[in-house]
Amino acid sequence: MSGLFAKSSIPVGLIVLLASCSGCGTGEYKSRLDARLPQLSQETPFSRMYAATAIADTPVKVRIPQFFKNSPLVEGLPAEAPVDSRRAKPPFDIDDLKLAYEDFVTDSSGGKVSYYCYLAVTDMSRPGARDPSAALWQRLRTMFTETPLNPTEVQYPRPDGRGIQWKKAVTAGPQEFYYQDKNGAGSYRPENGTIQTYCRREGDFMVLIVWRVPQRVEKNVGNLGLDQWAGRVAGTVMVEGG
């Protein structure tokens, strides 16, 4: 997994600075570099993420990328402009779904195509509780028969540099995504979309992170791409007091 974060070893700000100083005199270059070094030294792969917040009514915390500028979607709210269930929930059940985040990528026609990050937490100490990932993966195998879904073990770095282990499973297929044209009119359009799922047990809690993204905009998620941000979000999950 070293390649996942290797691209971030040189801060973007430094690359921009070097480009802007092309042709500068030595003195001017050094003064600009000296001015930017304190800021660059604080930039990490997690710099553009909010502070850790609890996932709904659980002690599980996660950091969310700052490109999710709006609050999580809640079906039927707000009252003046109720959110449709097709935006607040995926087209398949996720047991104990807690939060649904929505963002958009602008396409070549000026319209905005949506993508989603869903967070679910199951209290495994609850009587009769079962691993929700098994049920989710079975639903996805039934829906997307053309794309094999094979869970694998993956590891991502935490903000403190330690590693965190997850089970990852990916599938893809046609599904509907909310779309806003350049005039702001909304509709639902069929898209080939990727679904990335991540599951991990943290203490008594099973955590599920599910990304649902149209394949044509995967590389544009947060300007870095789906794979980069999925790994970063997974790396920040923790149980408060754990």
Protein backbone atom coordinates (compact mmCIF):
# COMPACT_ATOMS: atom_id res chain seq x y z
CA MET A 1 0.00 0.00 0.00
CA SER A 2 2.98 2.34 0.03
CA GLY A 3 2.06 3.60 -3.42
CA LEU A 4 -1.28 4.93 -2.19
CA PHE A 5 0.32 7.73 -0.22
CA ALA A 6 3.60 8.05 -2.09
CA LYS A 7 2.08 10.70 -4.33
CA SER A 8 1.47 12.89 -1.30
CA SER A 9 5.05 12.85 -0.03
CA ILE A 10 5.73 16.16 -1.81
CA PRO A 11 3.17 18.75 -0.67
CA VAL A 12 1.07 20.25 -3.43
CA GLY A 13 1.94 23.69 -2.12
CA LEU A 14 5.63 23.08 -2.74
CA ILE A 15 4.98 22.02 -6.32
CA VAL A 16 2.94 25.20 -6.90
CA LEU A 17 5.65 27.28 -5.30
CA LEU A 18 8.39 25.79 -7.47
CA ALA A 19 6.31 26.38 -10.59
CA SER A 20 5.57 29.99 -9.63
CA CYS A 21 9.27 30.65 -8.99
CA SER A 22 10.40 29.37 -12.37
CA GLY A 23 12.61 32.13 -13.74
CA CYS A 24 12.88 33.94 -10.39
CA GLY A 25 16.19 35.22 -9.18
CA THR A 26 17.96 33.19 -6.49
CA GLY A 27 17.24 35.74 -3.78
CA GLU A 28 13.54 36.00 -4.59
CA TYR A 29 13.21 32.21 -4.79
CA LYS A 30 14.82 31.77 -1.35
CA SER A 31 12.63 34.44 0.25
CA ARG A 32 9.45 32.82 -1.11
CA LEU A 33 10.58 29.38 0.00
CA ASP A 34 11.47 30.61 3.49
CA ALA A 35 8.04 32.24 3.79
CA ARG A 36 6.22 29.04 2.81
CA LEU A 37 8.26 26.47 4.73
CA PRO A 38 6.34 26.81 8.05
CA GLN A 39 3.05 26.21 6.23
CA LEU A 40 4.41 23.35 4.13
CA SER A 41 5.79 21.60 7.21
CA GLN A 42 2.25 21.38 8.61
CA GLU A 43 0.69 19.89 5.47
CA THR A 44 -0.08 16.17 5.70
CA PRO A 45 -2.35 13.79 3.76
CA PHE A 46 -4.98 14.60 6.42
CA SER A 47 -4.70 18.41 6.26
CA ARG A 48 -7.83 18.89 4.17
CA MET A 49 -10.08 16.97 6.56
CA TYR A 50 -12.37 18.17 9.35
CA ALA A 51 -11.58 17.38 12.97
CA ALA A 52 -12.73 13.96 14.18
CA THR A 53 -16.45 13.81 14.92
CA ALA A 54 -18.65 11.03 16.30
CA ILE A 55 -20.71 8.95 13.88
CA ALA A 56 -24.23 9.77 15.06
CA ASP A 57 -25.03 8.23 18.46
CA THR A 58 -21.92 6.03 18.69
CA PRO A 59 -18.45 6.45 20.23
CA VAL A 60 -16.89 5.81 16.82
CA LYS A 61 -15.16 8.88 15.38
CA VAL A 62 -14.01 9.68 11.85
CA ARG A 63 -12.58 12.60 9.92
CA ILE A 64 -14.42 13.68 6.78
CA PRO A 65 -12.81 15.47 3.78
CA GLN A 66 -13.52 19.19 3.63
CA PHE A 67 -14.97 18.93 0.12
CA PHE A 68 -18.12 17.60 1.84
CA LYS A 69 -19.26 21.14 2.65
CA ASN A 70 -22.86 20.33 3.60
CA SER A 71 -24.28 18.44 6.56
CA PRO A 72 -25.09 14.74 6.10
CA LEU A 73 -28.28 14.06 4.16
CA VAL A 74 -31.38 13.16 6.13
CA GLU A 75 -34.38 11.74 4.27
CA GLY A 76 -37.32 14.17 4.35
CA LEU A 77 -35.36 17.08 5.83
CA PRO A 78 -35.28 20.02 5.80
CA ALA A 79 -39.04 20.54 5.72
CA GLU A 80 -38.88 23.38 3.16
CA ALA A 81 -36.82 21.31 0.70
CA PRO A 82 -37.09 17.66 1.76
CA VAL A 83 -34.31 15.34 0.65
CA ASP A 84 -35.38 12.46 -1.57
CA SER A 85 -34.59 8.97 -0.25
CA ARG A 86 -32.62 8.27 -3.45
CA ARG A 87 -30.07 10.82 -2.26
CA ALA A 88 -30.13 10.04 1.46
CA LYS A 89 -29.81 6.27 0.98
CA PRO A 90 -28.08 4.00 -1.54
CA PRO A 91 -30.10 1.70 -3.85
CA PHE A 92 -29.26 -1.20 -1.50
CA ASP A 93 -29.69 -1.63 2.24
CA ILE A 94 -26.82 -0.87 4.61
CA ASP A 95 -27.59 -2.15 8.12
CA ASP A 96 -27.30 0.52 10.84
CA LEU A 97 -26.63 3.32 8.34
CA LYS A 98 -25.85 6.47 10.31
CA LEU A 99 -24.61 9.18 7.93
CA ALA A 100 -24.76 9.88 4.19
CA TYR A 101 -22.53 12.55 2.63
CA GLU A 102 -23.10 13.93 -0.86
CA ASP A 103 -20.82 15.98 -3.10
CA PHE A 104 -20.70 16.83 -6.80
CA VAL A 105 -18.24 16.91 -9.68
CA THR A 106 -18.89 19.35 -12.53
CA ASP A 107 -18.91 17.62 -15.90
CA SER A 108 -18.03 18.93 -19.37
CA SER A 109 -21.56 20.23 -19.97
CA GLY A 110 -21.55 22.36 -16.81
CA GLY A 111 -23.83 19.99 -14.93
CA LYS A 112 -23.05 18.45 -11.55
CA VAL A 113 -23.01 14.68 -11.00
CA SER A 114 -23.29 13.40 -7.42
CA TYR A 115 -21.27 10.88 -5.48
CA TYR A 116 -21.66 9.58 -1.93
CA CYS A 117 -19.93 8.36 1.20
CA TYR A 118 -22.04 6.34 3.66
CA LEU A 119 -21.07 5.51 7.25
CA ALA A 120 -22.63 2.71 9.29
CA VAL A 121 -21.89 1.41 12.77
CA THR A 122 -23.23 -1.79 14.37
CA ASP A 123 -22.93 -2.46 18.09
CA MET A 124 -21.77 -6.08 18.09
CA SER A 125 -22.39 -6.39 21.84
CA ARG A 126 -26.10 -6.06 21.15
CA PRO A 127 -27.96 -9.39 21.58
CA GLY A 128 -28.37 -11.10 18.20
CA ALA A 129 -26.05 -8.66 16.41
CA ARG A 130 -24.46 -10.00 13.22
CA ASP A 131 -21.61 -8.84 11.03
CA PRO A 132 -23.32 -6.33 8.69
CA SER A 133 -20.64 -6.61 6.03
CA ALA A 134 -21.67 -10.18 5.12
CA ALA A 135 -25.25 -9.07 4.47
CA LEU A 136 -24.10 -6.03 2.48
CA TRP A 137 -21.75 -8.02 0.28
CA GLN A 138 -24.47 -10.58 -0.45
CA ARG A 139 -26.85 -7.80 -1.53
CA LEU A 140 -24.20 -6.32 -3.79
CA ARG A 141 -23.40 -9.70 -5.35
CA THR A 142 -27.11 -10.10 -6.14
CA MET A 143 -27.38 -6.61 -7.68
CA PHE A 144 -24.12 -6.54 -9.64
CA THR A 145 -23.67 -10.02 -11.02
CA GLU A 146 -21.23 -8.98 -13.76
CA THR A 147 -18.54 -7.71 -11.38
CA PRO A 148 -17.04 -10.20 -8.88
CA LEU A 149 -16.88 -8.94 -5.31
CA ASN A 150 -13.89 -10.42 -3.48
CA PRO A 151 -13.00 -8.94 -0.06
CA THR A 152 -9.29 -8.41 0.57
CA GLU A 153 -7.22 -7.21 3.53
CA VAL A 154 -5.83 -3.69 3.16
CA GLN A 155 -3.92 -1.37 5.45
CA TYR A 156 -3.91 2.41 5.60
CA PRO A 157 -1.87 4.85 7.70
CA ARG A 158 -3.44 6.71 10.58
CA PRO A 159 -2.64 10.39 11.19
CA ASP A 160 -0.14 9.29 13.88
CA GLY A 161 1.70 7.08 11.37
CA ARG A 162 0.48 3.72 12.65
CA GLY A 163 -1.37 1.36 10.33
CA ILE A 164 -5.02 0.37 10.45
CA GLN A 165 -6.37 -2.84 8.88
CA TRP A 166 -9.62 -3.05 6.88
CA LYS A 167 -11.46 -5.50 4.69
CA LYS A 168 -12.13 -3.92 1.31
CA ALA A 169 -14.50 -5.12 -1.39
CA VAL A 170 -15.25 -3.42 -4.70
CA THR A 171 -17.97 -3.92 -7.29
CA ALA A 172 -19.53 -1.84 -10.07
CA GLY A 173 -22.55 -1.62 -12.31
CA PRO A 174 -25.41 0.57 -13.57
CA GLN A 175 -27.29 2.62 -10.97
CA GLU A 176 -28.98 6.01 -10.62
CA PHE A 177 -27.21 9.15 -9.44
CA TYR A 178 -28.70 12.55 -8.69
CA TYR A 179 -27.75 15.12 -11.32
CA GLN A 180 -28.11 18.90 -11.54
CA ASP A 181 -27.89 20.49 -14.97
CA LYS A 182 -26.15 23.83 -15.51
CA ASN A 183 -29.45 25.62 -14.76
CA GLY A 184 -29.85 23.87 -11.41
CA ALA A 185 -32.64 21.49 -12.45
CA GLY A 186 -32.34 18.12 -10.70
CA SER A 187 -33.01 14.64 -12.05
CA TYR A 188 -31.82 11.05 -11.66
CA ARG A 189 -29.65 9.61 -14.37
CA PRO A 190 -28.32 6.09 -14.99
CA GLU A 191 -24.55 5.85 -14.62
CA ASN A 192 -22.03 3.06 -14.38
CA GLY A 193 -20.85 3.45 -10.82
CA THR A 194 -18.17 2.00 -8.58
CA ILE A 195 -19.00 0.86 -5.06
CA GLN A 196 -16.12 0.57 -2.61
CA THR A 197 -16.89 -0.97 0.78
CA TYR A 198 -14.65 -1.06 3.85
CA CYS A 199 -15.39 -2.92 7.09
CA ARG A 200 -13.49 -3.07 10.38
CA ARG A 201 -14.28 -4.01 13.95
CA GLU A 202 -13.26 -1.38 16.50
CA GLY A 203 -13.84 -2.79 19.99
CA ASP A 204 -17.53 -3.70 20.24
CA PHE A 205 -18.39 -1.85 17.04
CA MET A 206 -18.36 -2.95 13.41
CA VAL A 207 -17.74 0.03 11.13
CA LEU A 208 -18.76 0.15 7.46
CA ILE A 209 -17.65 2.84 5.03
CA VAL A 210 -19.26 2.71 1.59
CA TRP A 211 -18.38 4.97 -1.34
CA ARG A 212 -20.70 5.14 -4.37
CA VAL A 213 -19.20 7.08 -7.27
CA PRO A 214 -19.94 7.32 -11.02
CA GLN A 215 -16.99 5.77 -12.82
CA ARG A 216 -16.56 8.78 -15.09
CA VAL A 217 -15.71 11.04 -12.13
CA GLU A 218 -13.76 8.65 -9.86
CA LYS A 219 -10.47 10.40 -10.55
CA ASN A 220 -11.99 13.81 -9.77
CA VAL A 221 -13.20 13.09 -6.22
CA GLY A 222 -11.66 15.81 -4.06
CA ASN A 223 -9.16 16.57 -6.86
CA LEU A 224 -7.14 13.49 -5.84
CA GLY A 225 -9.42 10.60 -6.68
CA LEU A 226 -11.62 8.06 -4.93
CA ASP A 227 -8.84 5.67 -3.92
CA GLN A 228 -6.80 8.40 -2.23
CA TRP A 229 -9.67 9.78 -0.16
CA ALA A 230 -11.20 6.41 0.69
CA GLY A 231 -7.90 5.37 2.27
CA ARG A 232 -7.58 8.62 4.19
CA VAL A 233 -11.09 8.42 5.65
CA ALA A 234 -10.53 4.79 6.65
CA GLY A 235 -7.27 5.77 8.32
CA THR A 236 -9.00 8.19 10.71
CA VAL A 237 -11.60 5.83 12.22
CA MET A 238 -11.26 5.29 15.96
CA VAL A 239 -13.37 4.55 19.04
CA GLU A 240 -13.38 7.33 21.61
CA GLY A 241 -11.54 6.13 24.70
CA GLY A 242 -10.33 3.03 22.84
